[in-house]
PDB file of N, CA and C in Angstrom:
ATOM      1  N   MET A   1      -7.528  -9.356  10.752  1.00  0.00           N
ATOM      2  CA  MET A   1      -7.304  -9.130   9.336  1.00  0.00           C
ATOM      3  C   MET A   1      -5.922  -8.503   9.155  1.00  0.00           C
ATOM      4  N   TYR A   2      -5.366  -8.777   7.994  1.00  0.00           N
ATOM      5  CA  TYR A   2      -4.080  -8.182   7.595  1.00  0.00           C
ATOM      6  C   TYR A   2      -4.322  -7.429   6.289  1.00  0.00           C
ATOM      7  N   TYR A   3      -3.627  -6.326   6.145  1.00  0.00           N
ATOM      8  CA  TYR A   3      -3.863  -5.452   5.018  1.00  0.00           C
ATOM      9  C   TYR A   3      -2.574  -5.162   4.261  1.00  0.00           C
ATOM     10  N   VAL A   4      -2.681  -5.154   2.952  1.00  0.00           N
ATOM     11  CA  VAL A   4      -1.632  -4.638   2.071  1.00  0.00           C
ATOM     12  C   VAL A   4      -2.189  -3.326   1.558  1.00  0.00           C
ATOM     13  N   TYR A   5      -1.413  -2.274   1.666  1.00  0.00           N
ATOM     14  CA  TYR A   5      -1.935  -0.973   1.292  1.00  0.00           C
ATOM     15  C   TYR A   5      -0.942  -0.180   0.464  1.00  0.00           C
ATOM     16  N   VAL A   6      -1.479   0.746  -0.288  1.00  0.00           N
ATOM     17  CA  VAL A   6      -0.673   1.642  -1.129  1.00  0.00           C
ATOM     18  C   VAL A   6      -0.970   3.067  -0.696  1.00  0.00           C
ATOM     19  N   LEU A   7       0.094   3.770  -0.362  1.00  0.00           N
ATOM     20  CA  LEU A   7       0.004   5.176  -0.045  1.00  0.00           C
ATOM     21  C   LEU A   7       0.607   5.970  -1.191  1.00  0.00           C
ATOM     22  N   ARG A   8       0.226   7.225  -1.289  1.00  0.00           N
ATOM     23  CA  ARG A   8       0.763   8.095  -2.322  1.00  0.00           C
ATOM     24  C   ARG A   8       1.156   9.430  -1.690  1.00  0.00           C
ATOM     25  N   ASP A   9       2.361   9.861  -2.001  1.00  0.00           N
ATOM     26  CA  ASP A   9       2.767  11.208  -1.624  1.00  0.00           C
ATOM     27  C   ASP A   9       2.160  12.152  -2.640  1.00  0.00           C
ATOM     28  N   LYS A  10       1.307  13.052  -2.201  1.00  0.00           N
ATOM     29  CA  LYS A  10       0.560  13.941  -3.097  1.00  0.00           C
ATOM     30  C   LYS A  10       1.465  14.927  -3.843  1.00  0.00           C
ATOM     31  N   ILE A  11       2.618  15.243  -3.301  1.00  0.00           N
ATOM     32  CA  ILE A  11       3.509  16.184  -3.941  1.00  0.00           C
ATOM     33  C   ILE A  11       4.367  15.511  -5.003  1.00  0.00           C
ATOM     34  N   SER A  12       5.013  14.416  -4.640  1.00  0.00           N
ATOM     35  CA  SER A  12       5.911  13.747  -5.575  1.00  0.00           C
ATOM     36  C   SER A  12       5.228  12.641  -6.371  1.00  0.00           C
ATOM     37  N   ASN A  13       3.978  12.297  -6.014  1.00  0.00           N
ATOM     38  CA  ASN A  13       3.227  11.219  -6.642  1.00  0.00           C
ATOM     39  C   ASN A  13       3.959   9.886  -6.525  1.00  0.00           C
ATOM     40  N   THR A  14       4.676   9.696  -5.429  1.00  0.00           N
ATOM     41  CA  THR A  14       5.449   8.484  -5.186  1.00  0.00           C
ATOM     42  C   THR A  14       4.610   7.463  -4.420  1.00  0.00           C
ATOM     43  N   PRO A  15       4.558   6.213  -4.877  1.00  0.00           N
ATOM     44  CA  PRO A  15       3.815   5.184  -4.146  1.00  0.00           C
ATOM     45  C   PRO A  15       4.652   4.570  -3.022  1.00  0.00           C
ATOM     46  N   TYR A  16       3.975   4.060  -2.010  1.00  0.00           N
ATOM     47  CA  TYR A  16       4.586   3.340  -0.917  1.00  0.00           C
ATOM     48  C   TYR A  16       3.692   2.140  -0.633  1.00  0.00           C
ATOM     49  N   ILE A  17       4.255   0.941  -0.686  1.00  0.00           N
ATOM     50  CA  ILE A  17       3.492  -0.293  -0.477  1.00  0.00           C
ATOM     51  C   ILE A  17       3.967  -0.937   0.813  1.00  0.00           C
ATOM     52  N   ASP A  18       3.003  -1.343   1.666  1.00  0.00           N
ATOM     53  CA  ASP A  18       3.362  -1.979   2.932  1.00  0.00           C
ATOM     54  C   ASP A  18       2.223  -2.888   3.372  1.00  0.00           C
ATOM     55  N   LYS A  19       2.414  -3.558   4.515  1.00  0.00           N
ATOM     56  CA  LYS A  19       1.374  -4.405   5.083  1.00  0.00           C
ATOM     57  C   LYS A  19       1.254  -4.107   6.566  1.00  0.00           C
ATOM     58  N   THR A  20       0.081  -4.429   7.146  1.00  0.00           N
ATOM     59  CA  THR A  20      -0.165  -4.168   8.560  1.00  0.00           C
ATOM     60  C   THR A  20      -1.351  -5.005   9.022  1.00  0.00           C
ATOM     61  N   ASN A  21      -1.476  -5.125  10.322  1.00  0.00           N
ATOM     62  CA  ASN A  21      -2.691  -5.743  10.869  1.00  0.00           C
ATOM     63  C   ASN A  21      -3.601  -4.668  11.485  1.00  0.00           C
ATOM     64  N   ASN A  22      -3.178  -3.394  11.417  1.00  0.00           N
ATOM     65  CA  ASN A  22      -3.997  -2.291  11.901  1.00  0.00           C
ATOM     66  C   ASN A  22      -3.862  -1.131  10.914  1.00  0.00           C
ATOM     67  N   LEU A  23      -4.710  -1.125   9.933  1.00  0.00           N
ATOM     68  CA  LEU A  23      -4.629  -0.136   8.856  1.00  0.00           C
ATOM     69  C   LEU A  23      -4.790   1.289   9.370  1.00  0.00           C
ATOM     70  N   GLU A  24      -5.727   1.509  10.244  1.00  0.00           N
ATOM     71  CA  GLU A  24      -5.992   2.856  10.750  1.00  0.00           C
ATOM     72  C   GLU A  24      -4.769   3.413  11.506  1.00  0.00           C
ATOM     73  N   GLN A  25      -4.182   2.604  12.347  1.00  0.00           N
ATOM     74  CA  GLN A  25      -2.995   3.038  13.109  1.00  0.00           C
ATOM     75  C   GLN A  25      -1.814   3.310  12.186  1.00  0.00           C
ATOM     76  N   SER A  26      -1.594   2.428  11.223  1.00  0.00           N
ATOM     77  CA  SER A  26      -0.482   2.616  10.288  1.00  0.00           C
ATOM     78  C   SER A  26      -0.662   3.900   9.478  1.00  0.00           C
ATOM     79  N   LEU A  27      -1.860   4.150   9.031  1.00  0.00           N
ATOM     80  CA  LEU A  27      -2.132   5.362   8.263  1.00  0.00           C
ATOM     81  C   LEU A  27      -1.864   6.611   9.114  1.00  0.00           C
ATOM     82  N   LYS A  28      -2.300   6.599  10.362  1.00  0.00           N
ATOM     83  CA  LYS A  28      -2.057   7.737  11.245  1.00  0.00           C
ATOM     84  C   LYS A  28      -0.559   7.963  11.451  1.00  0.00           C
ATOM     85  N   GLN A  29       0.209   6.898  11.607  1.00  0.00           N
ATOM     86  CA  GLN A  29       1.647   7.024  11.784  1.00  0.00           C
ATOM     87  C   GLN A  29       2.300   7.642  10.552  1.00  0.00           C
ATOM     88  N   HIS A  30       1.901   7.186   9.380  1.00  0.00           N
ATOM     89  CA  HIS A  30       2.455   7.722   8.146  1.00  0.00           C
ATOM     90  C   HIS A  30       2.091   9.199   7.994  1.00  0.00           C
ATOM     91  N   GLN A  31       0.849   9.553   8.290  1.00  0.00           N
ATOM     92  CA  GLN A  31       0.402  10.930   8.129  1.00  0.00           C
ATOM     93  C   GLN A  31       1.021  11.855   9.175  1.00  0.00           C
ATOM     94  N   THR A  32       1.398  11.330  10.319  1.00  0.00           N
ATOM     95  CA  THR A  32       2.107  12.123  11.317  1.00  0.00           C
ATOM     96  C   THR A  32       3.488  12.485  10.797  1.00  0.00           C
ATOM     97  N   ALA A  33       4.122  11.529  10.132  1.00  0.00           N
ATOM     98  CA  ALA A  33       5.464  11.759   9.588  1.00  0.00           C
ATOM     99  C   ALA A  33       5.435  12.625   8.323  1.00  0.00           C
ATOM    100  N   ASN A  34       4.377  12.493   7.543  1.00  0.00           N
ATOM    101  CA  ASN A  34       4.273  13.232   6.287  1.00  0.00           C
ATOM    102  C   ASN A  34       2.815  13.581   6.016  1.00  0.00           C
ATOM    103  N   LYS A  35       2.481  14.833   6.129  1.00  0.00           N
ATOM    104  CA  LYS A  35       1.087  15.292   5.949  1.00  0.00           C
ATOM    105  C   LYS A  35       0.578  15.131   4.519  1.00  0.00           C
ATOM    106  N   ASN A  36       1.476  14.918   3.570  1.00  0.00           N
ATOM    107  CA  ASN A  36       1.088  14.809   2.160  1.00  0.00           C
ATOM    108  C   ASN A  36       0.798  13.382   1.724  1.00  0.00           C
ATOM    109  N   ILE A  37       0.717  12.449   2.662  1.00  0.00           N
ATOM    110  CA  ILE A  37       0.458  11.051   2.359  1.00  0.00           C
ATOM    111  C   ILE A  37      -1.051  10.796   2.345  1.00  0.00           C
ATOM    112  N   GLU A  38      -1.500  10.019   1.358  1.00  0.00           N
ATOM    113  CA  GLU A  38      -2.904   9.604   1.335  1.00  0.00           C
ATOM    114  C   GLU A  38      -2.994   8.128   0.979  1.00  0.00           C
ATOM    115  N   LEU A  39      -3.977   7.457   1.549  1.00  0.00           N
ATOM    116  CA  LEU A  39      -4.254   6.050   1.244  1.00  0.00           C
ATOM    117  C   LEU A  39      -5.014   6.014  -0.066  1.00  0.00           C
ATOM    118  N   VAL A  40      -4.494   5.238  -1.034  1.00  0.00           N
ATOM    119  CA  VAL A  40      -5.165   5.156  -2.334  1.00  0.00           C
ATOM    120  C   VAL A  40      -5.722   3.779  -2.624  1.00  0.00           C
ATOM    121  N   TYR A  41      -5.266   2.748  -1.859  1.00  0.00           N
ATOM    122  CA  TYR A  41      -5.721   1.395  -2.153  1.00  0.00           C
ATOM    123  C   TYR A  41      -5.351   0.475  -0.984  1.00  0.00           C
ATOM    124  N   TYR A  42      -6.198  -0.516  -0.725  1.00  0.00           N
ATOM    125  CA  TYR A  42      -5.830  -1.573   0.214  1.00  0.00           C
ATOM    126  C   TYR A  42      -6.546  -2.865  -0.142  1.00  0.00           C
ATOM    127  N   GLU A  43      -5.950  -3.956   0.306  1.00  0.00           N
ATOM    128  CA  GLU A  43      -6.523  -5.289   0.158  1.00  0.00           C
ATOM    129  C   GLU A  43      -6.503  -5.936   1.537  1.00  0.00           C
ATOM    130  N   ALA A  44      -7.533  -6.722   1.870  1.00  0.00           N
ATOM    131  CA  ALA A  44      -7.616  -7.365   3.182  1.00  0.00           C
ATOM    132  C   ALA A  44      -7.409  -8.884   3.020  1.00  0.00           C
ATOM    133  N   TYR A  45      -6.702  -9.461   3.977  1.00  0.00           N
ATOM    134  CA  TYR A  45      -6.403 -10.902   3.977  1.00  0.00           C
ATOM    135  C   TYR A  45      -6.644 -11.471   5.365  1.00  0.00           C
ATOM    136  N   LYS A  46      -7.086 -12.707   5.418  1.00  0.00           N
ATOM    137  CA  LYS A  46      -7.319 -13.376   6.694  1.00  0.00           C
ATOM    138  C   LYS A  46      -6.000 -13.804   7.349  1.00  0.00           C
ATOM    139  N   GLU A  47      -5.039 -14.163   6.526  1.00  0.00           N
ATOM    140  CA  GLU A  47      -3.782 -14.701   7.056  1.00  0.00           C
ATOM    141  C   GLU A  47      -2.617 -13.762   6.754  1.00  0.00           C
ATOM    142  N   GLU A  48      -1.740 -13.624   7.727  1.00  0.00           N
ATOM    143  CA  GLU A  48      -0.565 -12.756   7.582  1.00  0.00           C
ATOM    144  C   GLU A  48       0.302 -13.216   6.409  1.00  0.00           C
ATOM    145  N   LYS A  49       0.447 -14.507   6.242  1.00  0.00           N
ATOM    146  CA  LYS A  49       1.293 -15.046   5.180  1.00  0.00           C
ATOM    147  C   LYS A  49       0.799 -14.572   3.811  1.00  0.00           C
ATOM    148  N   MET A  50      -0.492 -14.541   3.608  1.00  0.00           N
ATOM    149  CA  MET A  50      -1.047 -14.119   2.332  1.00  0.00           C
ATOM    150  C   MET A  50      -0.754 -12.630   2.092  1.00  0.00           C
ATOM    151  N   ALA A  51      -0.885 -11.806   3.128  1.00  0.00           N
ATOM    152  CA  ALA A  51      -0.586 -10.379   2.996  1.00  0.00           C
ATOM    153  C   ALA A  51       0.901 -10.176   2.725  1.00  0.00           C
ATOM    154  N   ARG A  52       1.739 -10.922   3.421  1.00  0.00           N
ATOM    155  CA  ARG A  52       3.198 -10.803   3.221  1.00  0.00           C
ATOM    156  C   ARG A  52       3.573 -11.184   1.805  1.00  0.00           C
ATOM    157  N   ASN A  53       2.979 -12.253   1.292  1.00  0.00           N
ATOM    158  CA  ASN A  53       3.261 -12.687  -0.086  1.00  0.00           C
ATOM    159  C   ASN A  53       2.803 -11.638  -1.105  1.00  0.00           C
ATOM    160  N   ARG A  54       1.644 -11.056  -0.896  1.00  0.00           N
ATOM    161  CA  ARG A  54       1.139 -10.050  -1.844  1.00  0.00           C
ATOM    162  C   ARG A  54       2.002  -8.791  -1.807  1.00  0.00           C
ATOM    163  N   GLU A  55       2.385  -8.347  -0.594  1.00  0.00           N
ATOM    164  CA  GLU A  55       3.259  -7.174  -0.495  1.00  0.00           C
ATOM    165  C   GLU A  55       4.574  -7.445  -1.212  1.00  0.00           C
ATOM    166  N   ASN A  56       5.149  -8.615  -0.972  1.00  0.00           N
ATOM    167  CA  ASN A  56       6.407  -8.980  -1.617  1.00  0.00           C
ATOM    168  C   ASN A  56       6.258  -8.995  -3.143  1.00  0.00           C
ATOM    169  N   THR A  57       5.159  -9.537  -3.629  1.00  0.00           N
ATOM    170  CA  THR A  57       4.928  -9.577  -5.063  1.00  0.00           C
ATOM    171  C   THR A  57       4.842  -8.182  -5.654  1.00  0.00           C
ATOM    172  N   LEU A  58       4.111  -7.296  -5.005  1.00  0.00           N
ATOM    173  CA  LEU A  58       3.974  -5.928  -5.521  1.00  0.00           C
ATOM    174  C   LEU A  58       5.305  -5.173  -5.465  1.00  0.00           C
ATOM    175  N   ASN A  59       6.115  -5.430  -4.457  1.00  0.00           N
ATOM    176  CA  ASN A  59       7.380  -4.718  -4.311  1.00  0.00           C
ATOM    177  C   ASN A  59       8.502  -5.286  -5.174  1.00  0.00           C
ATOM    178  N   THR A  60       8.413  -6.546  -5.576  1.00  0.00           N
ATOM    179  CA  THR A  60       9.536  -7.148  -6.313  1.00  0.00           C
ATOM    180  C   THR A  60       9.227  -7.545  -7.743  1.00  0.00           C
ATOM    181  N   HIS A  61       7.974  -7.682  -8.084  1.00  0.00           N
ATOM    182  CA  HIS A  61       7.609  -8.075  -9.450  1.00  0.00           C
ATOM    183  C   HIS A  61       6.967  -6.882 -10.157  1.00  0.00           C
ATOM    184  N   GLY A  62       7.697  -6.314 -11.059  1.00  0.00           N
ATOM    185  CA  GLY A  62       7.229  -5.125 -11.761  1.00  0.00           C
ATOM    186  C   GLY A  62       5.895  -5.308 -12.440  1.00  0.00           C
ATOM    187  N   SER A  63       5.636  -6.499 -12.980  1.00  0.00           N
ATOM    188  CA  SER A  63       4.389  -6.711 -13.708  1.00  0.00           C
ATOM    189  C   SER A  63       3.183  -6.674 -12.762  1.00  0.00           C
ATOM    190  N   ALA A  64       3.339  -7.152 -11.532  1.00  0.00           N
ATOM    191  CA  ALA A  64       2.245  -7.117 -10.567  1.00  0.00           C
ATOM    192  C   ALA A  64       1.922  -5.665 -10.206  1.00  0.00           C
ATOM    193  N   TRP A  65       2.957  -4.887  -9.914  1.00  0.00           N
ATOM    194  CA  TRP A  65       2.754  -3.477  -9.573  1.00  0.00           C
ATOM    195  C   TRP A  65       2.192  -2.725 -10.788  1.00  0.00           C
ATOM    196  N   GLU A  66       2.699  -3.014 -11.964  1.00  0.00           N
ATOM    197  CA  GLU A  66       2.245  -2.326 -13.169  1.00  0.00           C
ATOM    198  C   GLU A  66       0.746  -2.577 -13.414  1.00  0.00           C
ATOM    199  N   GLY A  67       0.306  -3.799 -13.196  1.00  0.00           N
ATOM    200  CA  GLY A  67      -1.119  -4.119 -13.353  1.00  0.00           C
ATOM    201  C   GLY A  67      -1.981  -3.352 -12.369  1.00  0.00           C
ATOM    202  N   LEU A  68      -1.563  -3.298 -11.109  1.00  0.00           N
ATOM    203  CA  LEU A  68      -2.311  -2.559 -10.098  1.00  0.00           C
ATOM    204  C   LEU A  68      -2.275  -1.061 -10.398  1.00  0.00           C
ATOM    205  N   ARG A  69      -1.121  -0.573 -10.788  1.00  0.00           N
ATOM    206  CA  ARG A  69      -0.969   0.863 -11.090  1.00  0.00           C
ATOM    207  C   ARG A  69      -1.918   1.262 -12.217  1.00  0.00           C
ATOM    208  N   ARG A  70      -2.033   0.436 -13.230  1.00  0.00           N
ATOM    209  CA  ARG A  70      -2.951   0.738 -14.335  1.00  0.00           C
ATOM    210  C   ARG A  70      -4.398   0.772 -13.853  1.00  0.00           C
ATOM    211  N   ARG A  71      -4.767  -0.151 -12.954  1.00  0.00           N
ATOM    212  CA  ARG A  71      -6.125  -0.181 -12.424  1.00  0.00           C
ATOM    213  C   ARG A  71      -6.411   1.065 -11.588  1.00  0.00           C
ATOM    214  N   LEU A  72      -5.436   1.513 -10.830  1.00  0.00           N
ATOM    215  CA  LEU A  72      -5.625   2.667  -9.965  1.00  0.00           C
ATOM    216  C   LEU A  72      -5.665   3.971 -10.762  1.00  0.00           C
ATOM    217  N   LYS A  73      -4.952   4.029 -11.882  1.00  0.00           N
ATOM    218  CA  LYS A  73      -4.885   5.213 -12.734  1.00  0.00           C
ATOM    219  C   LYS A  73      -4.457   6.453 -11.973  1.00  0.00           C
ATOM    220  N   ILE A  74      -3.498   6.265 -11.068  1.00  0.00           N
ATOM    221  CA  ILE A  74      -3.009   7.391 -10.269  1.00  0.00           C
ATOM    222  C   ILE A  74      -1.552   7.661 -10.540  1.00  0.00           C
ATOM    223  N   PHE A  75      -0.762   6.658 -10.604  1.00  0.00           N
ATOM    224  CA  PHE A  75       0.692   6.801 -10.721  1.00  0.00           C
ATOM    225  C   PHE A  75       1.115   6.806 -12.174  1.00  0.00           C
TER     226      PHE A  75
END
């Protein structure tokens, strides 16, 4: 499985969007670098291409991120 995930810095309330094939490992790496990071959302995909496309859409198309942000009600 491949995952697109959204992290949030609890202090600055800044989102971070990325993709991985090992969500648990990626989360541990982020939390080692910054203790104030928390996982707030993820999506699972069977194919890497689909995860890559979704991550790209969220990072480059404001309307896609805005829709997800409204659903999350965090940022």
